[in-house]
Amino acid sequence: MKRFLLTAAFVLAVTPALAAHWNVDTARSKLGFTVNWSGEPFVATFHTWKANIDFDPADPAHAHVLASIDLASEASDTQDNDDGLKGPQGFDAAKFPSAQFEANGFKPLGHGKYLANGKLTLHGVTRSVPLTFTLAINGNSARATGTAPLMRTDFGIGQGEWANATTIAHEVTVNLDLVAVKAR
């Protein structure tokens, strides 16, 4: 019995606490991107996406996020550009309907800032993408705002006339403004 209690105490001491699950309030959250297009910022959002987030501020190394984005839900103020982005020279949403981002562990950077080194799968290609974000938790509510830089050409986005950086920059910034509530 004594050996059992010592073993149980050891297991509890070395096992990380289970991170809280956070439910994203998609109505109050925004996910999109910005790219320089014809010398001007082109800003678009995704209307359909979901994220599963497990996070304990006392144990960020064991955080986990898995997000899935419906690429056909991309929208901007320019319908012609949106149609092209969703087509074969862009996202090719008919062939690759979604993108996924997964990160295991957040690195604290101080002052409520974190780094999630994750893997983004887009257009059938998986690459490492760093997501830097600021997190504010107030009771059971949290808000994360951040950015993730990437090169669209690393994912094969922009074929044909869109391959050149003259019209559409290769550098893209993913923008995140996420509101979540801790699950009970």
Protein backbone atom coordinates (compact mmCIF):
# COMPACT_ATOMS: atom_id res chain seq x y z
CA MET A 1 0.00 0.00 0.00
CA LYS A 2 2.82 2.38 0.88
CA ARG A 3 4.50 1.63 -2.46
CA PHE A 4 1.22 2.33 -4.30
CA LEU A 5 0.82 5.72 -2.58
CA LEU A 6 4.41 6.68 -3.37
CA THR A 7 3.95 5.68 -7.02
CA ALA A 8 0.67 7.60 -7.27
CA ALA A 9 2.26 10.69 -5.69
CA PHE A 10 5.18 10.49 -8.14
CA VAL A 11 2.88 10.15 -11.16
CA LEU A 12 0.81 13.14 -10.02
CA ALA A 13 3.93 15.20 -9.43
CA VAL A 14 5.42 14.62 -12.90
CA THR A 15 2.21 14.57 -14.96
CA PRO A 16 1.33 18.00 -16.33
CA ALA A 17 -2.04 19.41 -15.35
CA LEU A 18 -4.70 18.98 -17.95
CA ALA A 19 -5.01 22.20 -19.89
CA ALA A 20 -8.38 23.89 -19.98
CA HIS A 21 -10.33 23.63 -23.21
CA TRP A 22 -11.33 26.95 -24.75
CA ASN A 23 -14.35 27.37 -27.04
CA VAL A 24 -13.85 29.96 -29.76
CA ASP A 25 -16.59 32.53 -30.20
CA THR A 26 -16.40 32.74 -34.00
CA ALA A 27 -19.02 35.50 -34.12
CA ARG A 28 -16.63 37.76 -32.17
CA SER A 29 -13.41 36.43 -33.72
CA LYS A 30 -11.67 37.18 -36.99
CA LEU A 31 -9.15 35.24 -39.06
CA GLY A 32 -7.73 36.55 -42.30
CA PHE A 33 -4.66 37.72 -44.14
CA THR A 34 -3.01 40.74 -45.71
CA VAL A 35 -0.85 40.77 -48.84
CA ASN A 36 0.51 43.62 -50.94
CA TRP A 37 -1.42 43.51 -54.23
CA SER A 38 -0.66 46.02 -56.99
CA GLY A 39 1.11 48.23 -54.47
CA GLU A 40 -1.81 48.30 -52.02
CA PRO A 41 -2.67 46.16 -49.00
CA PHE A 42 -5.23 43.50 -49.89
CA VAL A 43 -7.12 42.39 -46.77
CA ALA A 44 -9.32 39.29 -46.71
CA THR A 45 -11.08 37.25 -44.03
CA PHE A 46 -12.26 33.68 -43.72
CA HIS A 47 -15.88 33.44 -42.63
CA THR A 48 -15.83 29.72 -41.83
CA TRP A 49 -13.18 28.24 -39.56
CA LYS A 50 -12.89 26.47 -36.25
CA ALA A 51 -10.22 25.96 -33.64
CA ASN A 52 -9.74 23.50 -30.81
CA ILE A 53 -7.61 25.09 -28.11
CA ASP A 54 -6.27 23.55 -24.92
CA PHE A 55 -4.28 25.97 -22.78
CA ASP A 56 -3.30 26.45 -19.16
CA PRO A 57 -1.41 29.71 -18.48
CA ALA A 58 0.54 27.92 -15.75
CA ASP A 59 1.71 25.27 -18.26
CA PRO A 60 2.04 26.85 -21.75
CA ALA A 61 4.52 24.19 -22.87
CA HIS A 62 1.64 21.69 -23.01
CA ALA A 63 -0.78 23.91 -24.91
CA HIS A 64 -2.33 22.57 -28.10
CA VAL A 65 -4.21 24.25 -30.92
CA LEU A 66 -5.71 22.71 -34.03
CA ALA A 67 -7.44 25.06 -36.45
CA SER A 68 -9.23 24.26 -39.69
CA ILE A 69 -10.05 26.97 -42.24
CA ASP A 70 -12.58 26.66 -45.07
CA LEU A 71 -10.69 28.30 -47.96
CA ALA A 72 -13.85 28.82 -50.02
CA SER A 73 -15.10 31.14 -47.24
CA GLU A 74 -12.43 33.76 -48.08
CA ALA A 75 -13.92 37.18 -48.75
CA SER A 76 -12.68 40.72 -49.36
CA ASP A 77 -14.02 43.92 -50.86
CA THR A 78 -12.97 42.76 -54.33
CA GLN A 79 -15.07 39.88 -55.69
CA ASP A 80 -12.89 39.40 -58.80
CA ASN A 81 -9.80 38.91 -56.63
CA ASP A 82 -11.71 36.53 -54.36
CA ASP A 83 -12.80 34.39 -57.30
CA GLY A 84 -9.21 34.22 -58.52
CA LEU A 85 -7.87 33.39 -55.06
CA LYS A 86 -10.25 30.47 -54.71
CA GLY A 87 -9.50 29.21 -58.24
CA PRO A 88 -6.77 26.91 -59.61
CA GLN A 89 -4.05 29.61 -59.67
CA GLY A 90 -4.72 30.51 -56.03
CA PHE A 91 -5.97 28.32 -53.17
CA ASP A 92 -7.55 25.84 -55.63
CA ALA A 93 -10.33 25.45 -53.07
CA ALA A 94 -12.09 22.80 -55.19
CA LYS A 95 -9.06 20.51 -54.85
CA PHE A 96 -7.81 21.73 -51.44
CA PRO A 97 -10.93 22.87 -49.55
CA SER A 98 -9.28 23.53 -46.19
CA ALA A 99 -6.09 24.56 -44.48
CA GLN A 100 -4.98 23.32 -41.06
CA PHE A 101 -2.72 24.87 -38.44
CA GLU A 102 -1.50 22.80 -35.50
CA ALA A 103 0.83 23.80 -32.69
CA ASN A 104 1.94 21.90 -29.62
CA GLY A 105 3.19 24.15 -26.85
CA PHE A 106 3.37 27.92 -26.57
CA LYS A 107 6.60 29.68 -25.69
CA PRO A 108 6.08 32.64 -23.29
CA LEU A 109 7.78 35.81 -24.55
CA GLY A 110 6.81 37.99 -21.57
CA HIS A 111 4.13 40.62 -21.00
CA GLY A 112 1.30 38.34 -22.18
CA LYS A 113 3.01 37.51 -25.48
CA TYR A 114 3.51 33.96 -26.75
CA LEU A 115 4.98 32.13 -29.71
CA ALA A 116 3.28 29.06 -31.15
CA ASN A 117 5.59 27.33 -33.59
CA GLY A 118 3.12 25.36 -35.62
CA LYS A 119 2.66 23.49 -38.84
CA LEU A 120 0.43 24.93 -41.54
CA THR A 121 -0.95 22.61 -44.20
CA LEU A 122 -2.16 24.60 -47.19
CA HIS A 123 -2.57 23.59 -50.82
CA GLY A 124 -1.30 20.09 -49.96
CA VAL A 125 1.98 21.42 -48.51
CA THR A 126 2.98 21.45 -44.83
CA ARG A 127 5.47 24.03 -43.54
CA SER A 128 6.50 25.45 -40.17
CA VAL A 129 4.85 28.78 -39.46
CA PRO A 130 5.45 30.89 -36.32
CA LEU A 131 2.36 32.49 -34.79
CA THR A 132 3.19 35.32 -32.39
CA PHE A 133 0.26 36.50 -30.30
CA THR A 134 -0.74 38.53 -27.28
CA LEU A 135 -3.11 36.82 -24.88
CA ALA A 136 -5.33 38.48 -22.30
CA ILE A 137 -7.36 36.27 -19.96
CA ASN A 138 -10.10 37.77 -17.81
CA GLY A 139 -11.78 35.07 -15.72
CA ASN A 140 -13.24 32.51 -18.12
CA SER A 141 -12.82 34.75 -21.16
CA ALA A 142 -9.73 35.15 -23.34
CA ARG A 143 -8.67 37.23 -26.31
CA ALA A 144 -5.67 36.50 -28.50
CA THR A 145 -4.44 38.83 -31.22
CA GLY A 146 -1.52 37.94 -33.39
CA THR A 147 0.16 37.46 -36.72
CA ALA A 148 1.93 34.73 -38.63
CA PRO A 149 4.19 35.60 -41.57
CA LEU A 150 4.51 33.19 -44.47
CA MET A 151 5.59 33.02 -48.09
CA ARG A 152 2.69 32.06 -50.35
CA THR A 153 5.07 30.47 -52.85
CA ASP A 154 6.27 28.02 -50.16
CA PHE A 155 2.77 26.52 -50.40
CA GLY A 156 2.42 26.69 -54.18
CA ILE A 157 -0.09 29.53 -53.96
CA GLY A 158 0.02 31.77 -57.01
CA GLN A 159 0.48 29.84 -60.22
CA GLY A 160 0.70 31.17 -63.77
CA GLU A 161 0.47 34.94 -63.96
CA TRP A 162 0.26 35.11 -60.14
CA ALA A 163 3.64 33.42 -59.57
CA ASN A 164 5.53 36.69 -60.02
CA ALA A 165 5.88 39.01 -57.01
CA THR A 166 5.44 42.12 -59.18
CA THR A 167 1.64 42.12 -58.88
CA ILE A 168 1.12 40.10 -55.70
CA ALA A 169 3.84 40.00 -53.05
CA HIS A 170 5.12 36.62 -51.97
CA GLU A 171 5.00 37.71 -48.30
CA VAL A 172 1.62 37.20 -46.62
CA THR A 173 0.65 38.02 -43.05
CA VAL A 174 -2.05 35.92 -41.40
CA ASN A 175 -4.04 38.03 -38.92
CA LEU A 176 -5.82 36.61 -35.88
CA ASP A 177 -8.22 38.24 -33.43
CA LEU A 178 -9.71 35.40 -31.41
CA VAL A 179 -12.18 35.49 -28.52
CA ALA A 180 -12.70 32.30 -26.52
CA VAL A 181 -14.50 31.12 -23.39
CA LYS A 182 -13.16 28.47 -21.06
CA ALA A 183 -15.23 25.29 -21.22
CA ARG A 184 -16.87 24.20 -18.00
